[in-house]
Amino acid sequence: MIELMRTTNPATIAFATALLRGEDIDCFVFDVHTSVLEGSLGVLPQRLMVARDQAFLARAVLRDNDLGAELTPERRG
């Protein structure tokens, strides 16, 4: 799995997850419980992850829905 985005905004994560699932792209949110344990201060970001073979399509879906600025930069290699 690779990271698509990292944010402290739960609405952004929920919106992105709904968009991806609407396109039948499997995704998973990491660090949900960690952010809850820190006391809901919004300090620790959550990460939205997808399978490597679906990353290109997932990034396109998020860009098309004005979430391009939220995307984690692509890593080469």
N, C-alpha and C. Protein backbone atom coordinates (compact mmCIF):
# COMPACT_ATOMS: atom_id res chain seq x y z
N MET A 1 0.85 -1.17 0.00
CA MET A 1 0.00 0.00 0.00
C MET A 1 0.89 1.24 0.00
N ILE A 2 0.37 2.29 -0.62
CA ILE A 2 1.09 3.55 -0.62
C ILE A 2 0.19 4.66 -0.08
N GLU A 3 0.83 5.69 0.41
CA GLU A 3 0.11 6.81 1.00
C GLU A 3 -0.34 7.78 -0.09
N LEU A 4 -1.63 8.11 -0.08
CA LEU A 4 -2.17 9.11 -1.00
C LEU A 4 -2.22 10.49 -0.37
N MET A 5 -2.62 10.53 0.88
CA MET A 5 -2.69 11.82 1.57
C MET A 5 -2.51 11.62 3.05
N ARG A 6 -2.11 12.72 3.69
CA ARG A 6 -1.91 12.77 5.14
C ARG A 6 -2.50 14.09 5.61
N THR A 7 -3.48 14.00 6.50
CA THR A 7 -4.15 15.22 6.94
C THR A 7 -4.71 15.07 8.34
N THR A 8 -4.89 16.19 9.01
CA THR A 8 -5.54 16.19 10.32
C THR A 8 -7.03 16.53 10.19
N ASN A 9 -7.50 16.75 8.97
CA ASN A 9 -8.89 17.11 8.74
C ASN A 9 -9.72 15.85 8.48
N PRO A 10 -10.56 15.43 9.42
CA PRO A 10 -11.35 14.22 9.23
C PRO A 10 -12.37 14.33 8.10
N ALA A 11 -12.83 15.53 7.80
CA ALA A 11 -13.79 15.71 6.69
C ALA A 11 -13.11 15.43 5.35
N THR A 12 -11.87 15.83 5.20
CA THR A 12 -11.13 15.58 3.97
C THR A 12 -10.92 14.09 3.77
N ILE A 13 -10.55 13.40 4.84
CA ILE A 13 -10.36 11.94 4.77
C ILE A 13 -11.67 11.25 4.40
N ALA A 14 -12.77 11.65 5.03
CA ALA A 14 -14.07 11.04 4.75
C ALA A 14 -14.50 11.29 3.31
N PHE A 15 -14.30 12.51 2.82
CA PHE A 15 -14.67 12.85 1.44
C PHE A 15 -13.84 12.04 0.45
N ALA A 16 -12.53 12.00 0.66
CA ALA A 16 -11.65 11.25 -0.24
C ALA A 16 -11.98 9.76 -0.23
N THR A 17 -12.25 9.22 0.95
CA THR A 17 -12.60 7.81 1.06
C THR A 17 -13.89 7.51 0.30
N ALA A 18 -14.89 8.36 0.44
CA ALA A 18 -16.16 8.17 -0.26
C ALA A 18 -15.97 8.24 -1.77
N LEU A 19 -15.15 9.18 -2.23
CA LEU A 19 -14.89 9.29 -3.67
C LEU A 19 -14.23 8.02 -4.21
N LEU A 20 -13.22 7.54 -3.50
CA LEU A 20 -12.50 6.35 -3.97
C LEU A 20 -13.38 5.12 -3.94
N ARG A 21 -14.13 4.95 -2.89
CA ARG A 21 -15.01 3.77 -2.80
C ARG A 21 -16.11 3.84 -3.85
N GLY A 22 -16.53 5.05 -4.20
CA GLY A 22 -17.51 5.22 -5.27
C GLY A 22 -17.00 4.78 -6.63
N GLU A 23 -15.69 4.79 -6.77
CA GLU A 23 -15.04 4.34 -8.01
C GLU A 23 -14.50 2.91 -7.88
N ASP A 24 -14.91 2.20 -6.84
CA ASP A 24 -14.46 0.83 -6.55
C ASP A 24 -12.96 0.72 -6.39
N ILE A 25 -12.37 1.73 -5.77
CA ILE A 25 -10.95 1.70 -5.44
C ILE A 25 -10.85 1.42 -3.94
N ASP A 26 -10.20 0.30 -3.61
CA ASP A 26 -10.04 -0.07 -2.21
C ASP A 26 -9.07 0.89 -1.53
N CYS A 27 -9.46 1.38 -0.37
CA CYS A 27 -8.59 2.29 0.38
C CYS A 27 -8.75 2.00 1.86
N PHE A 28 -7.77 2.46 2.62
CA PHE A 28 -7.78 2.22 4.06
C PHE A 28 -7.18 3.43 4.75
N VAL A 29 -7.75 3.82 5.87
CA VAL A 29 -7.25 4.96 6.63
C VAL A 29 -6.39 4.43 7.77
N PHE A 30 -5.12 4.83 7.77
CA PHE A 30 -4.19 4.47 8.84
C PHE A 30 -4.19 5.55 9.91
N ASP A 31 -3.83 5.19 11.10
CA ASP A 31 -3.63 6.09 12.23
C ASP A 31 -4.91 6.67 12.80
N VAL A 32 -6.05 6.04 12.55
CA VAL A 32 -7.31 6.52 13.10
C VAL A 32 -7.28 6.44 14.62
N HIS A 33 -6.88 5.32 15.15
CA HIS A 33 -6.88 5.13 16.60
C HIS A 33 -5.80 5.97 17.27
N THR A 34 -4.70 6.19 16.60
CA THR A 34 -3.63 7.03 17.16
C THR A 34 -4.13 8.45 17.36
N SER A 35 -4.84 8.97 16.38
CA SER A 35 -5.34 10.34 16.50
C SER A 35 -6.40 10.45 17.60
N VAL A 36 -7.15 9.38 17.85
CA VAL A 36 -8.14 9.39 18.93
C VAL A 36 -7.43 9.36 20.29
N LEU A 37 -6.36 8.58 20.39
CA LEU A 37 -5.64 8.46 21.65
C LEU A 37 -4.97 9.76 22.08
N GLU A 38 -4.59 10.60 21.12
CA GLU A 38 -3.91 11.84 21.48
C GLU A 38 -4.88 12.88 22.02
N GLY A 39 -6.13 12.55 22.13
CA GLY A 39 -7.08 13.43 22.78
C GLY A 39 -7.90 14.29 21.84
N SER A 40 -7.94 13.92 20.59
CA SER A 40 -8.73 14.65 19.58
C SER A 40 -8.31 16.11 19.46
N LEU A 41 -7.03 16.36 19.64
CA LEU A 41 -6.52 17.72 19.47
C LEU A 41 -6.24 18.04 18.01
N GLY A 42 -6.23 17.02 17.17
CA GLY A 42 -5.98 17.24 15.75
C GLY A 42 -4.52 17.44 15.42
N VAL A 43 -3.65 16.94 16.28
CA VAL A 43 -2.21 17.12 16.07
C VAL A 43 -1.64 16.03 15.17
N LEU A 44 -2.09 14.80 15.35
CA LEU A 44 -1.56 13.68 14.59
C LEU A 44 -2.40 13.43 13.34
N PRO A 45 -1.77 13.42 12.18
CA PRO A 45 -2.53 13.23 10.94
C PRO A 45 -2.93 11.77 10.72
N GLN A 46 -3.98 11.60 9.95
CA GLN A 46 -4.39 10.29 9.48
C GLN A 46 -3.88 10.14 8.04
N ARG A 47 -3.60 8.91 7.64
CA ARG A 47 -3.09 8.65 6.29
C ARG A 47 -4.09 7.82 5.50
N LEU A 48 -4.34 8.23 4.27
CA LEU A 48 -5.21 7.49 3.35
C LEU A 48 -4.32 6.67 2.43
N MET A 49 -4.51 5.36 2.45
CA MET A 49 -3.65 4.43 1.72
C MET A 49 -4.44 3.68 0.65
N VAL A 50 -3.75 3.35 -0.46
CA VAL A 50 -4.34 2.52 -1.52
C VAL A 50 -3.28 1.53 -2.00
N ALA A 51 -3.75 0.51 -2.70
CA ALA A 51 -2.82 -0.45 -3.29
C ALA A 51 -2.02 0.25 -4.39
N ARG A 52 -0.78 -0.15 -4.53
CA ARG A 52 0.12 0.47 -5.50
C ARG A 52 -0.46 0.45 -6.92
N ASP A 53 -1.12 -0.64 -7.29
CA ASP A 53 -1.64 -0.74 -8.66
C ASP A 53 -2.88 0.13 -8.90
N GLN A 54 -3.45 0.69 -7.84
CA GLN A 54 -4.61 1.56 -7.99
C GLN A 54 -4.28 3.03 -7.73
N ALA A 55 -3.02 3.32 -7.44
CA ALA A 55 -2.62 4.67 -7.04
C ALA A 55 -2.82 5.69 -8.14
N PHE A 56 -2.48 5.35 -9.37
CA PHE A 56 -2.61 6.31 -10.47
C PHE A 56 -4.06 6.74 -10.64
N LEU A 57 -4.97 5.78 -10.67
CA LEU A 57 -6.40 6.08 -10.82
C LEU A 57 -6.92 6.83 -9.60
N ALA A 58 -6.49 6.43 -8.42
CA ALA A 58 -6.94 7.10 -7.19
C ALA A 58 -6.52 8.56 -7.18
N ARG A 59 -5.29 8.84 -7.57
CA ARG A 59 -4.81 10.22 -7.64
C ARG A 59 -5.63 11.03 -8.65
N ALA A 60 -5.94 10.42 -9.77
CA ALA A 60 -6.74 11.12 -10.78
C ALA A 60 -8.13 11.46 -10.25
N VAL A 61 -8.75 10.53 -9.56
CA VAL A 61 -10.08 10.76 -8.99
C VAL A 61 -10.04 11.92 -8.00
N LEU A 62 -9.05 11.92 -7.13
CA LEU A 62 -8.95 12.98 -6.13
C LEU A 62 -8.62 14.33 -6.76
N ARG A 63 -7.77 14.34 -7.77
CA ARG A 63 -7.48 15.61 -8.47
C ARG A 63 -8.73 16.15 -9.15
N ASP A 64 -9.49 15.27 -9.78
CA ASP A 64 -10.72 15.69 -10.48
C ASP A 64 -11.76 16.26 -9.53
N ASN A 65 -11.63 15.97 -8.25
CA ASN A 65 -12.58 16.45 -7.25
C ASN A 65 -11.95 17.48 -6.31
N ASP A 66 -10.98 18.21 -6.83
CA ASP A 66 -10.35 19.34 -6.13
C ASP A 66 -9.61 18.97 -4.85
N LEU A 67 -9.07 17.75 -4.79
CA LEU A 67 -8.26 17.36 -3.64
C LEU A 67 -6.79 17.18 -4.02
N GLY A 68 -6.41 17.68 -5.17
CA GLY A 68 -5.03 17.53 -5.64
C GLY A 68 -4.02 18.15 -4.71
N ALA A 69 -4.37 19.27 -4.08
CA ALA A 69 -3.43 19.94 -3.17
C ALA A 69 -3.20 19.13 -1.90
N GLU A 70 -4.10 18.22 -1.59
CA GLU A 70 -3.98 17.40 -0.38
C GLU A 70 -3.12 16.16 -0.58
N LEU A 71 -2.82 15.82 -1.84
CA LEU A 71 -2.11 14.58 -2.14
C LEU A 71 -0.66 14.63 -1.66
N THR A 72 -0.20 13.49 -1.14
CA THR A 72 1.20 13.34 -0.79
C THR A 72 1.99 13.26 -2.08
N PRO A 73 3.15 13.93 -2.17
CA PRO A 73 3.95 13.84 -3.39
C PRO A 73 4.30 12.39 -3.72
N GLU A 74 4.32 12.08 -5.01
CA GLU A 74 4.65 10.72 -5.45
C GLU A 74 6.12 10.45 -5.20
N ARG A 75 6.38 9.23 -4.78
CA ARG A 75 7.77 8.80 -4.59
C ARG A 75 8.18 7.93 -5.74
N ARG A 76 9.33 8.16 -6.25
CA ARG A 76 9.87 7.34 -7.35
C ARG A 76 10.76 6.26 -6.77
N GLY A 77 10.67 5.07 -7.38
CA GLY A 77 11.60 4.01 -6.98
C GLY A 77 11.01 2.91 -6.24
